[in-house]
Amino acid sequence: MSSFYQPSAELLRAFGFARFASPAGQTRYSRPSECGQETMVLYDDGELTLLEAVEGQLLYSFQGRVASEAELRVLLRQVNWPAEVLTSPKPSFSPLS
């Protein structure tokens, strides 16, 4: 039996992703990028999708499964997304900005 890796909510928050509402059977996380928005969708069956919206266009970078956190980090780097833990995460919305 194969096992698939899905990143934890804690790891995704450390990468700068925030959780957003999503339909049943999936969990959606997004973060801003230099030129748009990066989104990772985790599905109950172990698949994940990476999406990037740039200048109003949705680019599908990857859909499939990964076996480990190391493989996820390699995948993120292959699609040119940062794969490092933020040292001082900034909240998306701050009333004291």
PDB file of N, CA and C in Angstrom:
ATOM      1  N   MET A   1       0.832  -1.181   0.000  1.00  0.00           N
ATOM      2  CA  MET A   1       0.000   0.000   0.000  1.00  0.00           C
ATOM      3  C   MET A   1       0.878   1.246   0.000  1.00  0.00           C
ATOM      4  N   SER A   2       0.612   2.159  -0.905  1.00  0.00           N
ATOM      5  CA  SER A   2       1.360   3.401  -0.992  1.00  0.00           C
ATOM      6  C   SER A   2       0.826   4.406   0.015  1.00  0.00           C
ATOM      7  N   SER A   3       1.727   5.214   0.537  1.00  0.00           N
ATOM      8  CA  SER A   3       1.293   6.301   1.401  1.00  0.00           C
ATOM      9  C   SER A   3       1.736   7.607   0.763  1.00  0.00           C
ATOM     10  N   PHE A   4       0.928   8.597   0.935  1.00  0.00           N
ATOM     11  CA  PHE A   4       1.207   9.895   0.342  1.00  0.00           C
ATOM     12  C   PHE A   4       1.366  10.919   1.444  1.00  0.00           C
ATOM     13  N   TYR A   5       2.214  11.880   1.191  1.00  0.00           N
ATOM     14  CA  TYR A   5       2.481  12.939   2.162  1.00  0.00           C
ATOM     15  C   TYR A   5       1.624  14.157   1.820  1.00  0.00           C
ATOM     16  N   GLN A   6       1.037  14.744   2.842  1.00  0.00           N
ATOM     17  CA  GLN A   6       0.412  16.053   2.707  1.00  0.00           C
ATOM     18  C   GLN A   6       0.951  16.930   3.830  1.00  0.00           C
ATOM     19  N   PRO A   7       1.345  18.152   3.500  1.00  0.00           N
ATOM     20  CA  PRO A   7       1.910  19.030   4.526  1.00  0.00           C
ATOM     21  C   PRO A   7       0.878  19.393   5.586  1.00  0.00           C
ATOM     22  N   SER A   8       1.351  19.586   6.787  1.00  0.00           N
ATOM     23  CA  SER A   8       0.471  19.974   7.889  1.00  0.00           C
ATOM     24  C   SER A   8       0.105  21.454   7.766  1.00  0.00           C
ATOM     25  N   ALA A   9      -0.970  21.827   8.433  1.00  0.00           N
ATOM     26  CA  ALA A   9      -1.380  23.227   8.467  1.00  0.00           C
ATOM     27  C   ALA A   9      -0.270  24.083   9.082  1.00  0.00           C
ATOM     28  N   GLU A  10       0.421  23.542  10.082  1.00  0.00           N
ATOM     29  CA  GLU A  10       1.500  24.286  10.740  1.00  0.00           C
ATOM     30  C   GLU A  10       2.645  24.574   9.763  1.00  0.00           C
ATOM     31  N   LEU A  11       3.027  23.575   8.961  1.00  0.00           N
ATOM     32  CA  LEU A  11       4.100  23.782   7.992  1.00  0.00           C
ATOM     33  C   LEU A  11       3.680  24.808   6.949  1.00  0.00           C
ATOM     34  N   LEU A  12       2.465  24.711   6.456  1.00  0.00           N
ATOM     35  CA  LEU A  12       2.007  25.665   5.446  1.00  0.00           C
ATOM     36  C   LEU A  12       1.948  27.079   6.007  1.00  0.00           C
ATOM     37  N   ARG A  13       1.525  27.224   7.257  1.00  0.00           N
ATOM     38  CA  ARG A  13       1.552  28.553   7.888  1.00  0.00           C
ATOM     39  C   ARG A  13       2.987  29.052   7.995  1.00  0.00           C
ATOM     40  N   ALA A  14       3.917  28.163   8.332  1.00  0.00           N
ATOM     41  CA  ALA A  14       5.332  28.554   8.431  1.00  0.00           C
ATOM     42  C   ALA A  14       5.877  28.989   7.073  1.00  0.00           C
ATOM     43  N   PHE A  15       5.336  28.421   5.985  1.00  0.00           N
ATOM     44  CA  PHE A  15       5.725  28.822   4.630  1.00  0.00           C
ATOM     45  C   PHE A  15       5.032  30.112   4.188  1.00  0.00           C
ATOM     46  N   GLY A  16       4.128  30.633   5.028  1.00  0.00           N
ATOM     47  CA  GLY A  16       3.444  31.879   4.698  1.00  0.00           C
ATOM     48  C   GLY A  16       2.069  31.716   4.098  1.00  0.00           C
ATOM     49  N   PHE A  17       1.555  30.481   4.056  1.00  0.00           N
ATOM     50  CA  PHE A  17       0.217  30.235   3.517  1.00  0.00           C
ATOM     51  C   PHE A  17      -0.829  30.479   4.594  1.00  0.00           C
ATOM     52  N   ALA A  18      -1.985  30.968   4.179  1.00  0.00           N
ATOM     53  CA  ALA A  18      -3.143  31.130   5.066  1.00  0.00           C
ATOM     54  C   ALA A  18      -4.260  30.238   4.548  1.00  0.00           C
ATOM     55  N   ARG A  19      -5.037  29.687   5.454  1.00  0.00           N
ATOM     56  CA  ARG A  19      -6.133  28.797   5.059  1.00  0.00           C
ATOM     57  C   ARG A  19      -7.337  29.619   4.601  1.00  0.00           C
ATOM     58  N   PHE A  20      -7.972  29.143   3.542  1.00  0.00           N
ATOM     59  CA  PHE A  20      -9.164  29.792   3.004  1.00  0.00           C
ATOM     60  C   PHE A  20     -10.301  28.786   2.920  1.00  0.00           C
ATOM     61  N   ALA A  21     -11.515  29.284   2.819  1.00  0.00           N
ATOM     62  CA  ALA A  21     -12.688  28.423   2.681  1.00  0.00           C
ATOM     63  C   ALA A  21     -12.552  27.583   1.419  1.00  0.00           C
ATOM     64  N   SER A  22     -13.049  26.362   1.488  1.00  0.00           N
ATOM     65  CA  SER A  22     -12.983  25.465   0.336  1.00  0.00           C
ATOM     66  C   SER A  22     -14.121  24.456   0.409  1.00  0.00           C
ATOM     67  N   PRO A  23     -14.447  23.854  -0.726  1.00  0.00           N
ATOM     68  CA  PRO A  23     -15.519  22.849  -0.743  1.00  0.00           C
ATOM     69  C   PRO A  23     -15.135  21.603   0.064  1.00  0.00           C
ATOM     70  N   ALA A  24     -16.122  20.790   0.368  1.00  0.00           N
ATOM     71  CA  ALA A  24     -15.883  19.529   1.077  1.00  0.00           C
ATOM     72  C   ALA A  24     -14.910  18.676   0.268  1.00  0.00           C
ATOM     73  N   GLY A  25     -14.036  17.966   0.971  1.00  0.00           N
ATOM     74  CA  GLY A  25     -13.088  17.075   0.308  1.00  0.00           C
ATOM     75  C   GLY A  25     -11.765  17.718  -0.032  1.00  0.00           C
ATOM     76  N   GLN A  26     -11.630  19.009   0.261  1.00  0.00           N
ATOM     77  CA  GLN A  26     -10.361  19.678  -0.014  1.00  0.00           C
ATOM     78  C   GLN A  26     -10.112  20.779   1.007  1.00  0.00           C
ATOM     79  N   THR A  27      -8.842  21.127   1.149  1.00  0.00           N
ATOM     80  CA  THR A  27      -8.429  22.219   2.024  1.00  0.00           C
ATOM     81  C   THR A  27      -7.542  23.138   1.201  1.00  0.00           C
ATOM     82  N   ARG A  28      -7.829  24.425   1.222  1.00  0.00           N
ATOM     83  CA  ARG A  28      -7.145  25.389   0.352  1.00  0.00           C
ATOM     84  C   ARG A  28      -6.318  26.371   1.194  1.00  0.00           C
ATOM     85  N   TYR A  29      -5.069  26.570   0.761  1.00  0.00           N
ATOM     86  CA  TYR A  29      -4.156  27.521   1.394  1.00  0.00           C
ATOM     87  C   TYR A  29      -3.588  28.426   0.308  1.00  0.00           C
ATOM     88  N   SER A  30      -3.433  29.722   0.612  1.00  0.00           N
ATOM     89  CA  SER A  30      -2.871  30.660  -0.361  1.00  0.00           C
ATOM     90  C   SER A  30      -1.896  31.599   0.315  1.00  0.00           C
ATOM     91  N   ARG A  31      -1.014  32.161  -0.514  1.00  0.00           N
ATOM     92  CA  ARG A  31      -0.095  33.201  -0.053  1.00  0.00           C
ATOM     93  C   ARG A  31       0.212  34.107  -1.240  1.00  0.00           C
ATOM     94  N   PRO A  32       0.548  35.365  -0.958  1.00  0.00           N
ATOM     95  CA  PRO A  32       0.917  36.255  -2.055  1.00  0.00           C
ATOM     96  C   PRO A  32       2.288  35.878  -2.609  1.00  0.00           C
ATOM     97  N   SER A  33       2.481  36.105  -3.895  1.00  0.00           N
ATOM     98  CA  SER A  33       3.791  35.916  -4.500  1.00  0.00           C
ATOM     99  C   SER A  33       4.266  37.266  -5.027  1.00  0.00           C
ATOM    100  N   GLU A  34       5.446  37.297  -5.596  1.00  0.00           N
ATOM    101  CA  GLU A  34       5.974  38.558  -6.124  1.00  0.00           C
ATOM    102  C   GLU A  34       5.096  39.112  -7.241  1.00  0.00           C
ATOM    103  N   CYS A  35       4.427  38.227  -7.978  1.00  0.00           N
ATOM    104  CA  CYS A  35       3.642  38.696  -9.125  1.00  0.00           C
ATOM    105  C   CYS A  35       2.212  38.170  -9.119  1.00  0.00           C
ATOM    106  N   GLY A  36       1.721  37.684  -7.994  1.00  0.00           N
ATOM    107  CA  GLY A  36       0.355  37.178  -7.969  1.00  0.00           C
ATOM    108  C   GLY A  36       0.013  36.474  -6.676  1.00  0.00           C
ATOM    109  N   GLN A  37      -0.622  35.317  -6.806  1.00  0.00           N
ATOM    110  CA  GLN A  37      -1.082  34.539  -5.660  1.00  0.00           C
ATOM    111  C   GLN A  37      -0.756  33.068  -5.880  1.00  0.00           C
ATOM    112  N   GLU A  38      -0.158  32.431  -4.882  1.00  0.00           N
ATOM    113  CA  GLU A  38       0.143  30.998  -4.925  1.00  0.00           C
ATOM    114  C   GLU A  38      -0.871  30.267  -4.053  1.00  0.00           C
ATOM    115  N   THR A  39      -1.434  29.192  -4.586  1.00  0.00           N
ATOM    116  CA  THR A  39      -2.448  28.428  -3.859  1.00  0.00           C
ATOM    117  C   THR A  39      -2.102  26.954  -3.892  1.00  0.00           C
ATOM    118  N   MET A  40      -2.244  26.308  -2.756  1.00  0.00           N
ATOM    119  CA  MET A  40      -2.073  24.868  -2.656  1.00  0.00           C
ATOM    120  C   MET A  40      -3.398  24.295  -2.176  1.00  0.00           C
ATOM    121  N   VAL A  41      -3.902  23.314  -2.907  1.00  0.00           N
ATOM    122  CA  VAL A  41      -5.152  22.651  -2.546  1.00  0.00           C
ATOM    123  C   VAL A  41      -4.816  21.210  -2.167  1.00  0.00           C
ATOM    124  N   LEU A  42      -5.191  20.807  -0.961  1.00  0.00           N
ATOM    125  CA  LEU A  42      -4.981  19.447  -0.483  1.00  0.00           C
ATOM    126  C   LEU A  42      -6.310  18.706  -0.557  1.00  0.00           C
ATOM    127  N   TYR A  43      -6.296  17.535  -1.162  1.00  0.00           N
ATOM    128  CA  TYR A  43      -7.508  16.736  -1.324  1.00  0.00           C
ATOM    129  C   TYR A  43      -7.500  15.574  -0.346  1.00  0.00           C
ATOM    130  N   ASP A  44      -8.691  15.136   0.046  1.00  0.00           N
ATOM    131  CA  ASP A  44      -8.825  14.038   1.007  1.00  0.00           C
ATOM    132  C   ASP A  44      -8.195  12.736   0.518  1.00  0.00           C
ATOM    133  N   ASP A  45      -8.048  12.560  -0.796  1.00  0.00           N
ATOM    134  CA  ASP A  45      -7.486  11.315  -1.339  1.00  0.00           C
ATOM    135  C   ASP A  45      -5.964  11.330  -1.427  1.00  0.00           C
ATOM    136  N   GLY A  46      -5.312  12.378  -0.900  1.00  0.00           N
ATOM    137  CA  GLY A  46      -3.853  12.441  -0.891  1.00  0.00           C
ATOM    138  C   GLY A  46      -3.255  13.262  -2.017  1.00  0.00           C
ATOM    139  N   GLU A  47      -4.055  13.683  -2.985  1.00  0.00           N
ATOM    140  CA  GLU A  47      -3.531  14.535  -4.061  1.00  0.00           C
ATOM    141  C   GLU A  47      -3.395  15.962  -3.577  1.00  0.00           C
ATOM    142  N   LEU A  48      -2.583  16.711  -4.300  1.00  0.00           N
ATOM    143  CA  LEU A  48      -2.500  18.140  -4.072  1.00  0.00           C
ATOM    144  C   LEU A  48      -2.359  18.832  -5.415  1.00  0.00           C
ATOM    145  N   THR A  49      -2.771  20.081  -5.434  1.00  0.00           N
ATOM    146  CA  THR A  49      -2.661  20.910  -6.626  1.00  0.00           C
ATOM    147  C   THR A  49      -1.966  22.195  -6.239  1.00  0.00           C
ATOM    148  N   LEU A  50      -1.050  22.652  -7.078  1.00  0.00           N
ATOM    149  CA  LEU A  50      -0.433  23.956  -6.925  1.00  0.00           C
ATOM    150  C   LEU A  50      -0.967  24.841  -8.035  1.00  0.00           C
ATOM    151  N   LEU A  51      -1.479  26.003  -7.675  1.00  0.00           N
ATOM    152  CA  LEU A  51      -2.032  26.954  -8.630  1.00  0.00           C
ATOM    153  C   LEU A  51      -1.365  28.297  -8.413  1.00  0.00           C
ATOM    154  N   GLU A  52      -1.118  29.019  -9.493  1.00  0.00           N
ATOM    155  CA  GLU A  52      -0.584  30.370  -9.348  1.00  0.00           C
ATOM    156  C   GLU A  52      -1.371  31.307 -10.244  1.00  0.00           C
ATOM    157  N   ALA A  53      -1.928  32.345  -9.639  1.00  0.00           N
ATOM    158  CA  ALA A  53      -2.648  33.368 -10.393  1.00  0.00           C
ATOM    159  C   ALA A  53      -1.684  34.524 -10.614  1.00  0.00           C
ATOM    160  N   VAL A  54      -1.461  34.849 -11.886  1.00  0.00           N
ATOM    161  CA  VAL A  54      -0.556  35.932 -12.255  1.00  0.00           C
ATOM    162  C   VAL A  54      -1.269  36.822 -13.263  1.00  0.00           C
ATOM    163  N   GLU A  55      -1.376  38.091 -12.931  1.00  0.00           N
ATOM    164  CA  GLU A  55      -2.009  39.068 -13.810  1.00  0.00           C
ATOM    165  C   GLU A  55      -3.369  38.584 -14.314  1.00  0.00           C
ATOM    166  N   GLY A  56      -4.167  38.053 -13.399  1.00  0.00           N
ATOM    167  CA  GLY A  56      -5.511  37.628 -13.738  1.00  0.00           C
ATOM    168  C   GLY A  56      -5.635  36.283 -14.429  1.00  0.00           C
ATOM    169  N   GLN A  57      -4.528  35.606 -14.697  1.00  0.00           N
ATOM    170  CA  GLN A  57      -4.574  34.284 -15.321  1.00  0.00           C
ATOM    171  C   GLN A  57      -4.206  33.225 -14.300  1.00  0.00           C
ATOM    172  N   LEU A  58      -4.928  32.121 -14.328  1.00  0.00           N
ATOM    173  CA  LEU A  58      -4.652  31.010 -13.436  1.00  0.00           C
ATOM    174  C   LEU A  58      -3.747  30.014 -14.140  1.00  0.00           C
ATOM    175  N   LEU A  59      -2.577  29.754 -13.560  1.00  0.00           N
ATOM    176  CA  LEU A  59      -1.616  28.816 -14.118  1.00  0.00           C
ATOM    177  C   LEU A  59      -1.602  27.568 -13.250  1.00  0.00           C
ATOM    178  N   TYR A  60      -1.857  26.403 -13.824  1.00  0.00           N
ATOM    179  CA  TYR A  60      -1.818  25.150 -13.075  1.00  0.00           C
ATOM    180  C   TYR A  60      -0.390  24.626 -13.136  1.00  0.00           C
ATOM    181  N   SER A  61       0.285  24.633 -12.032  1.00  0.00           N
ATOM    182  CA  SER A  61       1.681  24.226 -12.007  1.00  0.00           C
ATOM    183  C   SER A  61       1.857  22.732 -11.781  1.00  0.00           C
ATOM    184  N   PHE A  62       0.989  22.129 -10.973  1.00  0.00           N
ATOM    185  CA  PHE A  62       1.174  20.723 -10.622  1.00  0.00           C
ATOM    186  C   PHE A  62      -0.126  20.162 -10.071  1.00  0.00           C
ATOM    187  N   GLN A  63      -0.408  18.912 -10.385  1.00  0.00           N
ATOM    188  CA  GLN A  63      -1.478  18.176  -9.724  1.00  0.00           C
ATOM    189  C   GLN A  63      -1.028  16.730  -9.598  1.00  0.00           C
ATOM    190  N   GLY A  64      -1.021  16.212  -8.393  1.00  0.00           N
ATOM    191  CA  GLY A  64      -0.591  14.844  -8.169  1.00  0.00           C
ATOM    192  C   GLY A  64      -0.340  14.583  -6.701  1.00  0.00           C
ATOM    193  N   ARG A  65       0.590  13.691  -6.430  1.00  0.00           N
ATOM    194  CA  ARG A  65       0.924  13.312  -5.055  1.00  0.00           C
ATOM    195  C   ARG A  65       2.423  13.408  -4.840  1.00  0.00           C
ATOM    196  N   VAL A  66       2.808  13.639  -3.594  1.00  0.00           N
ATOM    197  CA  VAL A  66       4.216  13.611  -3.211  1.00  0.00           C
ATOM    198  C   VAL A  66       4.373  12.617  -2.072  1.00  0.00           C
ATOM    199  N   ALA A  67       5.593  12.121  -1.896  1.00  0.00           N
ATOM    200  CA  ALA A  67       5.836  11.067  -0.909  1.00  0.00           C
ATOM    201  C   ALA A  67       6.376  11.579   0.423  1.00  0.00           C
ATOM    202  N   SER A  68       6.929  12.819   0.435  1.00  0.00           N
ATOM    203  CA  SER A  68       7.569  13.298   1.663  1.00  0.00           C
ATOM    204  C   SER A  68       7.654  14.824   1.649  1.00  0.00           C
ATOM    205  N   GLU A  69       7.994  15.389   2.805  1.00  0.00           N
ATOM    206  CA  GLU A  69       8.209  16.833   2.889  1.00  0.00           C
ATOM    207  C   GLU A  69       9.365  17.247   1.984  1.00  0.00           C
ATOM    208  N   ALA A  70      10.403  16.443   1.928  1.00  0.00           N
ATOM    209  CA  ALA A  70      11.545  16.764   1.063  1.00  0.00           C
ATOM    210  C   ALA A  70      11.111  16.842  -0.403  1.00  0.00           C
ATOM    211  N   GLU A  71      10.267  15.895  -0.829  1.00  0.00           N
ATOM    212  CA  GLU A  71       9.781  15.913  -2.209  1.00  0.00           C
ATOM    213  C   GLU A  71       8.892  17.137  -2.451  1.00  0.00           C
ATOM    214  N   LEU A  72       8.085  17.519  -1.462  1.00  0.00           N
ATOM    215  CA  LEU A  72       7.264  18.720  -1.585  1.00  0.00           C
ATOM    216  C   LEU A  72       8.145  19.950  -1.762  1.00  0.00           C
ATOM    217  N   ARG A  73       9.206  20.061  -0.964  1.00  0.00           N
ATOM    218  CA  ARG A  73      10.107  21.213  -1.076  1.00  0.00           C
ATOM    219  C   ARG A  73      10.770  21.262  -2.456  1.00  0.00           C
ATOM    220  N   VAL A  74      11.170  20.116  -2.983  1.00  0.00           N
ATOM    221  CA  VAL A  74      11.751  20.063  -4.331  1.00  0.00           C
ATOM    222  C   VAL A  74      10.717  20.529  -5.353  1.00  0.00           C
ATOM    223  N   LEU A  75       9.497  20.050  -5.221  1.00  0.00           N
ATOM    224  CA  LEU A  75       8.428  20.451  -6.136  1.00  0.00           C
ATOM    225  C   LEU A  75       8.204  21.957  -6.089  1.00  0.00           C
ATOM    226  N   LEU A  76       8.144  22.531  -4.898  1.00  0.00           N
ATOM    227  CA  LEU A  76       7.942  23.974  -4.774  1.00  0.00           C
ATOM    228  C   LEU A  76       9.065  24.737  -5.462  1.00  0.00           C
ATOM    229  N   ARG A  77      10.284  24.290  -5.281  1.00  0.00           N
ATOM    230  CA  ARG A  77      11.415  24.961  -5.933  1.00  0.00           C
ATOM    231  C   ARG A  77      11.357  24.808  -7.451  1.00  0.00           C
ATOM    232  N   GLN A  78      10.859  23.663  -7.942  1.00  0.00           N
ATOM    233  CA  GLN A  78      10.766  23.442  -9.388  1.00  0.00           C
ATOM    234  C   GLN A  78       9.774  24.397 -10.046  1.00  0.00           C
ATOM    235  N   VAL A  79       8.731  24.779  -9.325  1.00  0.00           N
ATOM    236  CA  VAL A  79       7.775  25.731  -9.883  1.00  0.00           C
ATOM    237  C   VAL A  79       8.095  27.156  -9.426  1.00  0.00           C
ATOM    238  N   ASN A  80       9.300  27.341  -8.892  1.00  0.00           N
ATOM    239  CA  ASN A  80       9.828  28.646  -8.509  1.00  0.00           C
ATOM    240  C   ASN A  80       9.045  29.297  -7.371  1.00  0.00           C
ATOM    241  N   TRP A  81       8.603  28.466  -6.415  1.00  0.00           N
ATOM    242  CA  TRP A  81       7.959  28.975  -5.207  1.00  0.00           C
ATOM    243  C   TRP A  81       8.932  28.825  -4.051  1.00  0.00           C
ATOM    244  N   PRO A  82       8.995  29.802  -3.145  1.00  0.00           N
ATOM    245  CA  PRO A  82       9.842  29.651  -1.962  1.00  0.00           C
ATOM    246  C   PRO A  82       9.436  28.422  -1.153  1.00  0.00           C
ATOM    247  N   ALA A  83      10.416  27.689  -0.674  1.00  0.00           N
ATOM    248  CA  ALA A  83      10.158  26.469   0.102  1.00  0.00           C
ATOM    249  C   ALA A  83      10.859  26.523   1.453  1.00  0.00           C
ATOM    250  N   GLU A  84      11.006  27.735   1.978  1.00  0.00           N
ATOM    251  CA  GLU A  84      11.666  27.906   3.260  1.00  0.00           C
ATOM    252  C   GLU A  84      10.658  28.410   4.283  1.00  0.00           C
ATOM    253  N   VAL A  85      10.915  28.077   5.519  1.00  0.00           N
ATOM    254  CA  VAL A  85      10.091  28.551   6.620  1.00  0.00           C
ATOM    255  C   VAL A  85      10.408  30.023   6.841  1.00  0.00           C
ATOM    256  N   LEU A  86       9.363  30.837   6.966  1.00  0.00           N
ATOM    257  CA  LEU A  86       9.549  32.260   7.235  1.00  0.00           C
ATOM    258  C   LEU A  86      10.037  32.431   8.667  1.00  0.00           C
ATOM    259  N   THR A  87      10.998  33.304   8.866  1.00  0.00           N
ATOM    260  CA  THR A  87      11.510  33.515  10.218  1.00  0.00           C
ATOM    261  C   THR A  87      10.627  34.448  11.023  1.00  0.00           C
ATOM    262  N   SER A  88       9.986  35.396  10.369  1.00  0.00           N
ATOM    263  CA  SER A  88       9.086  36.300  11.083  1.00  0.00           C
ATOM    264  C   SER A  88       7.857  36.548  10.222  1.00  0.00           C
ATOM    265  N   PRO A  89       6.893  35.616  10.288  1.00  0.00           N
ATOM    266  CA  PRO A  89       5.703  35.776   9.456  1.00  0.00           C
ATOM    267  C   PRO A  89       4.944  37.045   9.799  1.00  0.00           C
ATOM    268  N   LYS A  90       4.475  37.718   8.762  1.00  0.00           N
ATOM    269  CA  LYS A  90       3.686  38.927   8.955  1.00  0.00           C
ATOM    270  C   LYS A  90       2.229  38.593   8.697  1.00  0.00           C
ATOM    271  N   PRO A  91       1.334  39.099   9.540  1.00  0.00           N
ATOM    272  CA  PRO A  91      -0.078  38.811   9.296  1.00  0.00           C
ATOM    273  C   PRO A  91      -0.542  39.460   7.993  1.00  0.00           C
ATOM    274  N   SER A  92      -1.500  38.823   7.325  1.00  0.00           N
ATOM    275  CA  SER A  92      -2.025  39.349   6.072  1.00  0.00           C
ATOM    276  C   SER A  92      -2.752  40.670   6.297  1.00  0.00           C
ATOM    277  N   PHE A  93      -3.443  40.773   7.416  1.00  0.00           N
ATOM    278  CA  PHE A  93      -4.218  41.960   7.709  1.00  0.00           C
ATOM    279  C   PHE A  93      -3.841  42.452   9.085  1.00  0.00           C
ATOM    280  N   SER A  94      -3.499  43.711   9.182  1.00  0.00           N
ATOM    281  CA  SER A  94      -3.123  44.278  10.468  1.00  0.00           C
ATOM    282  C   SER A  94      -3.785  45.639  10.628  1.00  0.00           C
ATOM    283  N   PRO A  95      -4.593  45.818  11.655  1.00  0.00           N
ATOM    284  CA  PRO A  95      -5.257  47.112  11.833  1.00  0.00           C
ATOM    285  C   PRO A  95      -4.280  48.209  12.227  1.00  0.00           C
ATOM    286  N   LEU A  96      -3.060  47.874  12.617  1.00  0.00           N
ATOM    287  CA  LEU A  96      -2.084  48.875  13.076  1.00  0.00           C
ATOM    288  C   LEU A  96      -1.027  49.157  12.030  1.00  0.00           C
ATOM    289  N   SER A  97      -1.259  48.837  10.771  1.00  0.00           N
ATOM    290  CA  SER A  97      -0.265  49.052   9.712  1.00  0.00           C
ATOM    291  C   SER A  97       0.003  50.515   9.504  1.00  0.00           C
TER     292      SER A  97
END
